[in-house]
Amino acid sequence: MGTKEELKKSSLFVGSVSKVFEILEVFDTNTPSLSLTEIMKRTSMNTSAAQRYLYTLEVLGYLEKNAHSKRYSLTLKALFPASNFLSQSALIGAAYPHIVQLRQQIDARIGLSVRYKDRVVYLIPLQNNREAYQTDYPGFSVPMHSTTSGRMLLSFEPEPEALRILSENPRKPHTPFTKIDVEDILKEVNV
């Protein structure tokens, strides 16, 4: 299989489908709603194209437009593909009973996360009885440097790949204890 750019040159690649997902993916935890102008800027689409895609996504029920602010946001329908993935995943099906049992035994925050590209994605996040986190939901993702599970996943990578991941991605602190220095992180994952 070729690079992403090589694959896009295939006659099988449908650019309009790519643009639809590009729009859906600009909505994140920091931007639950976006204006037409913001969407155009984030996707590099012109006004006409952005308006057509947004209208179509609104008619299909994946986006809604606030009548007063004219800002777009995702609807509940955007959850359906994710819900289907979670219910059909063999990994989640096999791991879930064990994660629930372990959480009951130790009453600690526990879950299942995986690497997706250069991020950690939580598939099964279970909270404990003493504390709750707003980010404990399936699909939440964080940079690999900023979480224990991400650093554990980094420890399985060859050092050049771990260095690439750390160097090419922003390393902002998410808590007062988040390590952001590449050498400090590498020392921790190469123990």
N, C-alpha and C. Protein backbone atom coordinates (compact mmCIF):
# COMPACT_ATOMS: atom_id res chain seq x y z
N MET A 1 0.83 -1.18 0.00
CA MET A 1 0.00 0.00 0.00
C MET A 1 0.88 1.24 0.00
N GLY A 2 0.47 2.27 -0.72
CA GLY A 2 1.26 3.49 -0.84
C GLY A 2 0.97 4.48 0.27
N THR A 3 1.56 5.66 0.13
CA THR A 3 1.32 6.73 1.09
C THR A 3 -0.10 7.27 0.88
N LYS A 4 -0.52 8.08 1.82
CA LYS A 4 -1.86 8.67 1.74
C LYS A 4 -2.01 9.48 0.46
N GLU A 5 -0.98 10.23 0.11
CA GLU A 5 -1.04 11.05 -1.11
C GLU A 5 -1.09 10.18 -2.36
N GLU A 6 -0.36 9.08 -2.37
CA GLU A 6 -0.40 8.16 -3.51
C GLU A 6 -1.77 7.51 -3.64
N LEU A 7 -2.36 7.14 -2.53
CA LEU A 7 -3.68 6.51 -2.55
C LEU A 7 -4.74 7.48 -3.05
N LYS A 8 -4.60 8.77 -2.74
CA LYS A 8 -5.56 9.77 -3.20
C LYS A 8 -5.56 9.91 -4.72
N LYS A 9 -4.47 9.51 -5.37
CA LYS A 9 -4.38 9.63 -6.83
C LYS A 9 -5.07 8.47 -7.54
N SER A 10 -5.51 7.47 -6.81
CA SER A 10 -6.18 6.32 -7.39
C SER A 10 -7.53 6.74 -7.98
N SER A 11 -7.94 6.08 -9.06
CA SER A 11 -9.25 6.36 -9.65
C SER A 11 -10.38 5.90 -8.73
N LEU A 12 -10.06 5.08 -7.74
CA LEU A 12 -11.06 4.62 -6.78
C LEU A 12 -11.35 5.65 -5.69
N PHE A 13 -10.46 6.62 -5.52
CA PHE A 13 -10.60 7.60 -4.45
C PHE A 13 -11.69 8.61 -4.81
N VAL A 14 -12.64 8.83 -3.88
CA VAL A 14 -13.74 9.78 -4.10
C VAL A 14 -13.47 11.01 -3.25
N GLY A 15 -13.05 12.07 -3.91
CA GLY A 15 -12.67 13.29 -3.22
C GLY A 15 -13.78 13.92 -2.41
N SER A 16 -15.03 13.85 -2.91
CA SER A 16 -16.13 14.47 -2.18
C SER A 16 -16.40 13.77 -0.85
N VAL A 17 -16.21 12.45 -0.81
CA VAL A 17 -16.37 11.72 0.46
C VAL A 17 -15.28 12.17 1.43
N SER A 18 -14.08 12.34 0.92
CA SER A 18 -12.98 12.82 1.75
C SER A 18 -13.30 14.18 2.35
N LYS A 19 -13.90 15.05 1.56
CA LYS A 19 -14.23 16.40 2.05
C LYS A 19 -15.32 16.36 3.13
N VAL A 20 -16.26 15.44 2.99
CA VAL A 20 -17.30 15.29 4.01
C VAL A 20 -16.66 14.94 5.35
N PHE A 21 -15.76 13.96 5.33
CA PHE A 21 -15.11 13.57 6.59
C PHE A 21 -14.18 14.66 7.10
N GLU A 22 -13.59 15.40 6.20
CA GLU A 22 -12.74 16.52 6.61
C GLU A 22 -13.56 17.52 7.42
N ILE A 23 -14.78 17.79 6.99
CA ILE A 23 -15.66 18.70 7.74
C ILE A 23 -16.03 18.08 9.09
N LEU A 24 -16.45 16.83 9.10
CA LEU A 24 -16.87 16.21 10.37
C LEU A 24 -15.73 16.17 11.38
N GLU A 25 -14.50 16.02 10.88
CA GLU A 25 -13.35 15.89 11.79
C GLU A 25 -12.83 17.22 12.32
N VAL A 26 -13.32 18.35 11.83
CA VAL A 26 -12.85 19.63 12.39
C VAL A 26 -13.52 19.95 13.72
N PHE A 27 -14.59 19.25 14.03
CA PHE A 27 -15.25 19.46 15.32
C PHE A 27 -14.52 18.61 16.35
N ASP A 28 -14.09 19.24 17.44
CA ASP A 28 -13.39 18.51 18.49
C ASP A 28 -13.81 19.04 19.85
N THR A 29 -13.18 18.56 20.90
CA THR A 29 -13.59 18.95 22.25
C THR A 29 -13.40 20.44 22.50
N ASN A 30 -12.49 21.06 21.79
CA ASN A 30 -12.26 22.49 21.98
C ASN A 30 -13.14 23.35 21.09
N THR A 31 -13.76 22.75 20.08
CA THR A 31 -14.59 23.52 19.14
C THR A 31 -15.89 22.76 18.86
N PRO A 32 -16.82 22.79 19.81
CA PRO A 32 -18.08 22.06 19.60
C PRO A 32 -18.98 22.69 18.54
N SER A 33 -18.75 23.97 18.23
CA SER A 33 -19.51 24.61 17.15
C SER A 33 -18.57 25.50 16.35
N LEU A 34 -18.89 25.61 15.06
CA LEU A 34 -18.05 26.37 14.14
C LEU A 34 -18.91 27.16 13.17
N SER A 35 -18.41 28.32 12.79
CA SER A 35 -19.09 29.12 11.77
C SER A 35 -18.66 28.65 10.39
N LEU A 36 -19.35 29.09 9.38
CA LEU A 36 -18.97 28.76 8.00
C LEU A 36 -17.53 29.21 7.74
N THR A 37 -17.20 30.41 8.16
CA THR A 37 -15.86 30.95 7.94
C THR A 37 -14.80 30.10 8.63
N GLU A 38 -15.06 29.67 9.86
CA GLU A 38 -14.10 28.83 10.58
C GLU A 38 -13.92 27.48 9.90
N ILE A 39 -15.01 26.92 9.41
CA ILE A 39 -14.93 25.63 8.71
C ILE A 39 -14.15 25.79 7.41
N MET A 40 -14.39 26.87 6.69
CA MET A 40 -13.65 27.12 5.45
C MET A 40 -12.15 27.25 5.73
N LYS A 41 -11.82 27.95 6.81
CA LYS A 41 -10.41 28.15 7.15
C LYS A 41 -9.74 26.82 7.53
N ARG A 42 -10.44 25.99 8.30
CA ARG A 42 -9.86 24.73 8.77
C ARG A 42 -9.78 23.67 7.68
N THR A 43 -10.62 23.79 6.65
CA THR A 43 -10.64 22.79 5.60
C THR A 43 -10.05 23.29 4.28
N SER A 44 -9.79 24.57 4.18
CA SER A 44 -9.30 25.19 2.95
C SER A 44 -10.31 25.07 1.80
N MET A 45 -11.58 24.97 2.14
CA MET A 45 -12.64 24.94 1.11
C MET A 45 -13.09 26.35 0.79
N ASN A 46 -13.55 26.55 -0.45
CA ASN A 46 -14.10 27.85 -0.78
C ASN A 46 -15.55 27.92 -0.28
N THR A 47 -16.14 29.10 -0.34
CA THR A 47 -17.47 29.32 0.22
C THR A 47 -18.51 28.40 -0.40
N SER A 48 -18.52 28.32 -1.73
CA SER A 48 -19.52 27.52 -2.42
C SER A 48 -19.44 26.05 -2.03
N ALA A 49 -18.25 25.47 -2.03
CA ALA A 49 -18.09 24.06 -1.68
C ALA A 49 -18.48 23.82 -0.22
N ALA A 50 -17.99 24.67 0.67
CA ALA A 50 -18.30 24.48 2.09
C ALA A 50 -19.80 24.56 2.33
N GLN A 51 -20.46 25.52 1.71
CA GLN A 51 -21.91 25.65 1.89
C GLN A 51 -22.65 24.41 1.40
N ARG A 52 -22.25 23.85 0.26
CA ARG A 52 -22.91 22.66 -0.28
C ARG A 52 -22.72 21.45 0.65
N TYR A 53 -21.49 21.26 1.12
CA TYR A 53 -21.24 20.12 2.01
C TYR A 53 -21.97 20.30 3.34
N LEU A 54 -21.94 21.49 3.89
CA LEU A 54 -22.61 21.74 5.16
C LEU A 54 -24.12 21.55 5.03
N TYR A 55 -24.69 22.05 3.94
CA TYR A 55 -26.13 21.88 3.72
C TYR A 55 -26.47 20.39 3.64
N THR A 56 -25.68 19.63 2.88
CA THR A 56 -25.93 18.20 2.72
C THR A 56 -25.84 17.48 4.06
N LEU A 57 -24.81 17.78 4.84
CA LEU A 57 -24.66 17.14 6.16
C LEU A 57 -25.79 17.53 7.10
N GLU A 58 -26.30 18.76 6.95
CA GLU A 58 -27.42 19.20 7.77
C GLU A 58 -28.70 18.44 7.36
N VAL A 59 -28.94 18.32 6.06
CA VAL A 59 -30.12 17.60 5.57
C VAL A 59 -30.07 16.13 5.99
N LEU A 60 -28.88 15.53 5.94
CA LEU A 60 -28.72 14.13 6.33
C LEU A 60 -28.80 13.92 7.84
N GLY A 61 -28.72 15.00 8.61
CA GLY A 61 -28.87 14.90 10.05
C GLY A 61 -27.59 14.77 10.85
N TYR A 62 -26.43 14.96 10.21
CA TYR A 62 -25.16 14.85 10.93
C TYR A 62 -24.71 16.18 11.54
N LEU A 63 -25.21 17.28 11.00
CA LEU A 63 -24.90 18.60 11.53
C LEU A 63 -26.20 19.36 11.75
N GLU A 64 -26.15 20.29 12.70
CA GLU A 64 -27.27 21.22 12.85
C GLU A 64 -26.72 22.63 12.88
N LYS A 65 -27.52 23.55 12.37
CA LYS A 65 -27.12 24.95 12.29
C LYS A 65 -28.00 25.75 13.25
N ASN A 66 -27.35 26.46 14.17
CA ASN A 66 -28.08 27.29 15.11
C ASN A 66 -28.69 28.46 14.34
N ALA A 67 -30.00 28.63 14.47
CA ALA A 67 -30.71 29.67 13.71
C ALA A 67 -30.24 31.08 14.07
N HIS A 68 -29.79 31.28 15.30
CA HIS A 68 -29.39 32.63 15.73
C HIS A 68 -27.91 32.90 15.46
N SER A 69 -27.05 31.99 15.87
CA SER A 69 -25.61 32.23 15.74
C SER A 69 -25.06 31.81 14.38
N LYS A 70 -25.83 31.00 13.64
CA LYS A 70 -25.41 30.48 12.33
C LYS A 70 -24.21 29.54 12.44
N ARG A 71 -23.98 29.02 13.65
CA ARG A 71 -22.85 28.10 13.87
C ARG A 71 -23.34 26.66 13.73
N TYR A 72 -22.46 25.81 13.24
CA TYR A 72 -22.77 24.41 13.03
C TYR A 72 -22.22 23.57 14.18
N SER A 73 -22.92 22.48 14.49
CA SER A 73 -22.42 21.53 15.48
C SER A 73 -22.87 20.13 15.08
N LEU A 74 -22.16 19.13 15.60
CA LEU A 74 -22.51 17.74 15.35
C LEU A 74 -23.82 17.40 16.04
N THR A 75 -24.56 16.44 15.48
CA THR A 75 -25.79 15.96 16.11
C THR A 75 -25.55 14.57 16.69
N LEU A 76 -26.55 14.07 17.35
CA LEU A 76 -26.46 12.71 17.91
C LEU A 76 -26.24 11.66 16.83
N LYS A 77 -26.72 11.94 15.61
CA LYS A 77 -26.55 10.96 14.53
C LYS A 77 -25.08 10.67 14.25
N ALA A 78 -24.20 11.63 14.55
CA ALA A 78 -22.77 11.43 14.34
C ALA A 78 -22.22 10.31 15.24
N LEU A 79 -22.95 9.97 16.29
CA LEU A 79 -22.53 8.88 17.19
C LEU A 79 -22.79 7.49 16.62
N PHE A 80 -23.72 7.35 15.70
CA PHE A 80 -24.13 6.02 15.25
C PHE A 80 -22.99 5.19 14.67
N PRO A 81 -22.15 5.73 13.77
CA PRO A 81 -21.05 4.90 13.28
C PRO A 81 -20.09 4.48 14.40
N ALA A 82 -19.84 5.39 15.35
CA ALA A 82 -18.94 5.05 16.47
C ALA A 82 -19.57 3.97 17.35
N SER A 83 -20.86 4.07 17.59
CA SER A 83 -21.55 3.06 18.39
C SER A 83 -21.48 1.69 17.71
N ASN A 84 -21.65 1.69 16.40
CA ASN A 84 -21.56 0.43 15.66
C ASN A 84 -20.16 -0.17 15.77
N PHE A 85 -19.15 0.68 15.66
CA PHE A 85 -17.77 0.20 15.81
C PHE A 85 -17.57 -0.42 17.20
N LEU A 86 -17.99 0.30 18.24
CA LEU A 86 -17.78 -0.18 19.61
C LEU A 86 -18.51 -1.49 19.87
N SER A 87 -19.70 -1.65 19.33
CA SER A 87 -20.47 -2.88 19.58
C SER A 87 -19.96 -4.06 18.76
N GLN A 88 -19.25 -3.80 17.66
CA GLN A 88 -18.79 -4.89 16.79
C GLN A 88 -17.31 -5.22 16.96
N SER A 89 -16.58 -4.44 17.74
CA SER A 89 -15.15 -4.66 17.88
C SER A 89 -14.85 -5.94 18.68
N ALA A 90 -14.12 -6.84 18.08
CA ALA A 90 -13.75 -8.08 18.77
C ALA A 90 -12.86 -7.78 19.97
N LEU A 91 -11.96 -6.81 19.83
CA LEU A 91 -11.08 -6.44 20.93
C LEU A 91 -11.88 -5.94 22.13
N ILE A 92 -12.81 -5.05 21.89
CA ILE A 92 -13.62 -4.51 22.98
C ILE A 92 -14.48 -5.60 23.60
N GLY A 93 -15.08 -6.44 22.76
CA GLY A 93 -15.90 -7.54 23.27
C GLY A 93 -15.12 -8.49 24.16
N ALA A 94 -13.88 -8.79 23.77
CA ALA A 94 -13.05 -9.71 24.55
C ALA A 94 -12.53 -9.05 25.83
N ALA A 95 -12.19 -7.77 25.76
CA ALA A 95 -11.56 -7.09 26.89
C ALA A 95 -12.57 -6.61 27.93
N TYR A 96 -13.77 -6.24 27.53
CA TYR A 96 -14.71 -5.57 28.42
C TYR A 96 -14.99 -6.34 29.72
N PRO A 97 -15.31 -7.62 29.69
CA PRO A 97 -15.59 -8.29 30.97
C PRO A 97 -14.39 -8.28 31.92
N HIS A 98 -13.19 -8.39 31.38
CA HIS A 98 -11.99 -8.40 32.21
C HIS A 98 -11.72 -7.01 32.80
N ILE A 99 -11.96 -6.00 32.01
CA ILE A 99 -11.75 -4.62 32.50
C ILE A 99 -12.75 -4.30 33.60
N VAL A 100 -14.00 -4.69 33.41
CA VAL A 100 -15.02 -4.45 34.44
C VAL A 100 -14.66 -5.20 35.72
N GLN A 101 -14.26 -6.45 35.59
CA GLN A 101 -13.89 -7.25 36.76
C GLN A 101 -12.69 -6.63 37.49
N LEU A 102 -11.69 -6.23 36.76
CA LEU A 102 -10.52 -5.62 37.37
C LEU A 102 -10.87 -4.31 38.07
N ARG A 103 -11.72 -3.51 37.45
CA ARG A 103 -12.13 -2.24 38.05
C ARG A 103 -12.87 -2.50 39.36
N GLN A 104 -13.71 -3.52 39.40
CA GLN A 104 -14.43 -3.86 40.62
C GLN A 104 -13.48 -4.34 41.71
N GLN A 105 -12.45 -5.07 41.32
CA GLN A 105 -11.51 -5.61 42.29
C GLN A 105 -10.63 -4.53 42.92
N ILE A 106 -10.21 -3.57 42.13
CA ILE A 106 -9.26 -2.58 42.66
C ILE A 106 -9.85 -1.19 42.82
N ASP A 107 -11.09 -0.98 42.41
CA ASP A 107 -11.77 0.32 42.49
C ASP A 107 -10.85 1.46 42.06
N ALA A 108 -10.33 1.33 40.87
CA ALA A 108 -9.47 2.36 40.32
C ALA A 108 -9.93 2.69 38.90
N ARG A 109 -9.50 3.83 38.43
CA ARG A 109 -9.77 4.21 37.05
C ARG A 109 -8.98 3.26 36.15
N ILE A 110 -9.69 2.61 35.25
CA ILE A 110 -9.04 1.60 34.41
C ILE A 110 -9.74 1.58 33.05
N GLY A 111 -9.02 1.12 32.06
CA GLY A 111 -9.65 1.07 30.75
C GLY A 111 -8.77 0.41 29.72
N LEU A 112 -9.21 0.54 28.49
CA LEU A 112 -8.49 0.00 27.36
C LEU A 112 -8.25 1.13 26.37
N SER A 113 -7.00 1.30 26.00
CA SER A 113 -6.68 2.32 25.00
C SER A 113 -5.76 1.70 23.96
N VAL A 114 -5.77 2.29 22.78
CA VAL A 114 -4.96 1.80 21.67
C VAL A 114 -4.28 2.98 20.98
N ARG A 115 -3.27 2.67 20.21
CA ARG A 115 -2.60 3.71 19.42
C ARG A 115 -3.33 3.86 18.09
N TYR A 116 -3.62 5.10 17.75
CA TYR A 116 -4.11 5.43 16.41
C TYR A 116 -3.23 6.55 15.88
N LYS A 117 -2.43 6.23 14.89
CA LYS A 117 -1.43 7.14 14.35
C LYS A 117 -0.53 7.56 15.50
N ASP A 118 -0.45 8.85 15.82
CA ASP A 118 0.44 9.31 16.89
C ASP A 118 -0.31 9.71 18.15
N ARG A 119 -1.51 9.13 18.34
CA ARG A 119 -2.32 9.47 19.50
C ARG A 119 -2.76 8.19 20.22
N VAL A 120 -3.24 8.37 21.43
CA VAL A 120 -3.84 7.30 22.20
C VAL A 120 -5.35 7.53 22.18
N VAL A 121 -6.10 6.48 21.84
CA VAL A 121 -7.56 6.57 21.80
C VAL A 121 -8.11 5.61 22.85
N TYR A 122 -8.98 6.13 23.69
CA TYR A 122 -9.60 5.32 24.74
C TYR A 122 -10.83 4.62 24.19
N LEU A 123 -10.84 3.29 24.29
CA LEU A 123 -11.98 2.51 23.83
C LEU A 123 -12.91 2.14 24.97
N ILE A 124 -12.33 1.80 26.12
CA ILE A 124 -13.12 1.48 27.32
C ILE A 124 -12.55 2.29 28.48
N PRO A 125 -13.10 3.43 28.78
CA PRO A 125 -12.64 4.19 29.95
C PRO A 125 -13.64 4.02 31.10
N LEU A 126 -13.20 3.42 32.19
CA LEU A 126 -14.07 3.25 33.36
C LEU A 126 -13.50 4.04 34.53
N GLN A 127 -14.36 4.84 35.15
CA GLN A 127 -13.92 5.66 36.28
C GLN A 127 -14.05 4.87 37.57
N ASN A 128 -13.38 5.38 38.61
CA ASN A 128 -13.54 4.74 39.91
C ASN A 128 -14.62 5.49 40.68
N ASN A 129 -14.87 5.06 41.91
CA ASN A 129 -15.95 5.67 42.71
C ASN A 129 -15.56 6.98 43.37
N ARG A 130 -14.26 7.30 43.39
CA ARG A 130 -13.80 8.48 44.12
C ARG A 130 -13.63 9.72 43.25
N GLU A 131 -13.41 9.55 41.98
CA GLU A 131 -13.18 10.70 41.13
C GLU A 131 -13.77 10.47 39.75
N ALA A 132 -14.14 11.56 39.11
CA ALA A 132 -14.73 11.46 37.78
C ALA A 132 -14.00 12.44 36.85
N TYR A 133 -13.85 12.01 35.62
CA TYR A 133 -13.18 12.82 34.61
C TYR A 133 -14.13 13.06 33.45
N GLN A 134 -14.22 14.30 33.01
CA GLN A 134 -15.09 14.62 31.88
C GLN A 134 -14.62 13.96 30.59
N THR A 135 -13.37 13.56 30.55
CA THR A 135 -12.82 13.00 29.33
C THR A 135 -12.93 11.48 29.27
N ASP A 136 -13.61 10.88 30.21
CA ASP A 136 -13.75 9.42 30.20
C ASP A 136 -14.94 9.00 29.35
N TYR A 137 -14.73 8.98 28.06
CA TYR A 137 -15.74 8.47 27.14
C TYR A 137 -15.02 7.81 25.97
N PRO A 138 -15.62 6.80 25.37
CA PRO A 138 -14.98 6.12 24.25
C PRO A 138 -14.70 7.10 23.10
N GLY A 139 -13.53 6.97 22.54
CA GLY A 139 -13.14 7.83 21.42
C GLY A 139 -12.31 9.03 21.82
N PHE A 140 -12.24 9.32 23.12
CA PHE A 140 -11.40 10.44 23.56
C PHE A 140 -9.96 10.11 23.22
N SER A 141 -9.24 11.09 22.69
CA SER A 141 -7.84 10.82 22.34
C SER A 141 -6.93 11.91 22.88
N VAL A 142 -5.70 11.53 23.15
CA VAL A 142 -4.69 12.45 23.67
C VAL A 142 -3.36 12.14 23.00
N PRO A 143 -2.43 13.11 23.02
CA PRO A 143 -1.10 12.83 22.49
C PRO A 143 -0.42 11.74 23.32
N MET A 144 0.45 10.99 22.69
CA MET A 144 1.07 9.84 23.36
C MET A 144 1.92 10.23 24.56
N HIS A 145 2.51 11.41 24.55
CA HIS A 145 3.40 11.79 25.66
C HIS A 145 2.65 12.07 26.94
N SER A 146 1.34 12.36 26.85
CA SER A 146 0.65 12.94 27.99
C SER A 146 -0.13 11.95 28.86
N THR A 147 0.02 10.68 28.62
CA THR A 147 -0.73 9.71 29.40
C THR A 147 0.11 8.46 29.64
N THR A 148 -0.18 7.78 30.72
CA THR A 148 0.55 6.56 31.04
C THR A 148 0.43 5.52 29.94
N SER A 149 -0.77 5.35 29.43
CA SER A 149 -0.94 4.34 28.38
C SER A 149 -0.19 4.74 27.11
N GLY A 150 -0.13 6.02 26.81
CA GLY A 150 0.64 6.47 25.65
C GLY A 150 2.12 6.21 25.81
N ARG A 151 2.65 6.48 26.99
CA ARG A 151 4.07 6.22 27.23
C ARG A 151 4.37 4.73 27.22
N MET A 152 3.40 3.92 27.70
CA MET A 152 3.57 2.48 27.62
C MET A 152 3.63 2.03 26.16
N LEU A 153 2.74 2.56 25.33
CA LEU A 153 2.74 2.22 23.91
C LEU A 153 4.03 2.70 23.24
N LEU A 154 4.52 3.86 23.64
CA LEU A 154 5.80 4.36 23.11
C LEU A 154 6.95 3.42 23.46
N SER A 155 6.87 2.78 24.61
CA SER A 155 7.96 1.91 25.05
C SER A 155 8.12 0.69 24.15
N PHE A 156 7.09 0.35 23.38
CA PHE A 156 7.17 -0.78 22.46
C PHE A 156 7.68 -0.37 21.07
N GLU A 157 7.84 0.92 20.87
CA GLU A 157 8.33 1.40 19.58
C GLU A 157 9.85 1.43 19.56
N PRO A 158 10.46 1.20 18.39
CA PRO A 158 11.91 1.42 18.30
C PRO A 158 12.20 2.89 18.62
N GLU A 159 13.35 3.15 19.18
CA GLU A 159 13.66 4.52 19.61
C GLU A 159 13.50 5.56 18.49
N PRO A 160 13.91 5.27 17.24
CA PRO A 160 13.72 6.29 16.19
C PRO A 160 12.24 6.65 15.97
N GLU A 161 11.35 5.64 16.07
CA GLU A 161 9.92 5.91 15.89
C GLU A 161 9.38 6.69 17.08
N ALA A 162 9.78 6.33 18.29
CA ALA A 162 9.34 7.07 19.48
C ALA A 162 9.82 8.52 19.40
N LEU A 163 11.04 8.71 18.96
CA LEU A 163 11.59 10.06 18.82
C LEU A 163 10.82 10.85 17.76
N ARG A 164 10.46 10.20 16.66
CA ARG A 164 9.69 10.87 15.61
C ARG A 164 8.34 11.32 16.15
N ILE A 165 7.65 10.42 16.86
CA ILE A 165 6.33 10.75 17.41
C ILE A 165 6.43 11.95 18.35
N LEU A 166 7.43 11.93 19.22
CA LEU A 166 7.58 13.02 20.19
C LEU A 166 8.00 14.32 19.53
N SER A 167 8.83 14.23 18.51
CA SER A 167 9.35 15.44 17.85
C SER A 167 8.33 16.09 16.94
N GLU A 168 7.52 15.29 16.27
CA GLU A 168 6.60 15.84 15.27
C GLU A 168 5.27 16.30 15.84
N ASN A 169 5.01 16.02 17.09
CA ASN A 169 3.72 16.37 17.68
C ASN A 169 3.90 17.35 18.82
N PRO A 170 2.98 18.31 18.94
CA PRO A 170 3.08 19.28 20.04
C PRO A 170 3.04 18.58 21.39
N ARG A 171 3.85 19.05 22.30
CA ARG A 171 3.92 18.44 23.63
C ARG A 171 3.51 19.48 24.67
N LYS A 172 2.23 19.69 24.81
CA LYS A 172 1.73 20.62 25.81
C LYS A 172 1.46 19.85 27.10
N PRO A 173 1.68 20.49 28.25
CA PRO A 173 1.33 19.82 29.50
C PRO A 173 -0.19 19.79 29.69
N HIS A 174 -0.73 18.64 30.03
CA HIS A 174 -2.17 18.50 30.28
C HIS A 174 -2.47 18.55 31.77
N THR A 175 -1.45 18.29 32.59
CA THR A 175 -1.57 18.40 34.04
C THR A 175 -0.25 19.00 34.52
N PRO A 176 -0.16 19.38 35.79
CA PRO A 176 1.12 19.89 36.30
C PRO A 176 2.23 18.84 36.29
N PHE A 177 1.85 17.57 36.13
CA PHE A 177 2.83 16.48 36.17
C PHE A 177 3.20 15.96 34.79
N THR A 178 2.60 16.49 33.74
CA THR A 178 2.88 16.01 32.38
C THR A 178 4.30 16.34 31.98
N LYS A 179 5.04 15.32 31.59
CA LYS A 179 6.40 15.53 31.09
C LYS A 179 6.32 15.95 29.63
N ILE A 180 7.09 16.99 29.26
CA ILE A 180 7.07 17.44 27.88
C ILE A 180 8.47 17.43 27.25
N ASP A 181 9.49 17.24 28.06
CA ASP A 181 10.85 17.18 27.52
C ASP A 181 11.08 15.82 26.87
N VAL A 182 11.51 15.83 25.61
CA VAL A 182 11.69 14.59 24.85
C VAL A 182 12.64 13.64 25.56
N GLU A 183 13.77 14.13 26.06
CA GLU A 183 14.74 13.25 26.73
C GLU A 183 14.16 12.62 27.98
N ASP A 184 13.39 13.41 28.76
CA ASP A 184 12.76 12.86 29.97
C ASP A 184 11.77 11.75 29.62
N ILE A 185 10.99 11.96 28.57
CA ILE A 185 10.00 10.96 28.17
C ILE A 185 10.71 9.71 27.66
N LEU A 186 11.72 9.89 26.83
CA LEU A 186 12.47 8.74 26.30
C LEU A 186 13.11 7.92 27.42
N LYS A 187 13.64 8.60 28.46
CA LYS A 187 14.22 7.88 29.59
C LYS A 187 13.16 7.04 30.28
N GLU A 188 11.97 7.62 30.42
CA GLU A 188 10.88 6.90 31.09
C GLU A 188 10.42 5.70 30.27
N VAL A 189 10.31 5.82 28.97
CA VAL A 189 9.79 4.72 28.16
C VAL A 189 10.84 3.68 27.82
N ASN A 190 12.10 4.00 27.99
CA ASN A 190 13.16 3.05 27.68
C ASN A 190 13.73 2.38 28.93
N VAL A 191 13.05 2.49 30.06
CA VAL A 191 13.52 1.90 31.31
C VAL A 191 13.59 0.39 31.20
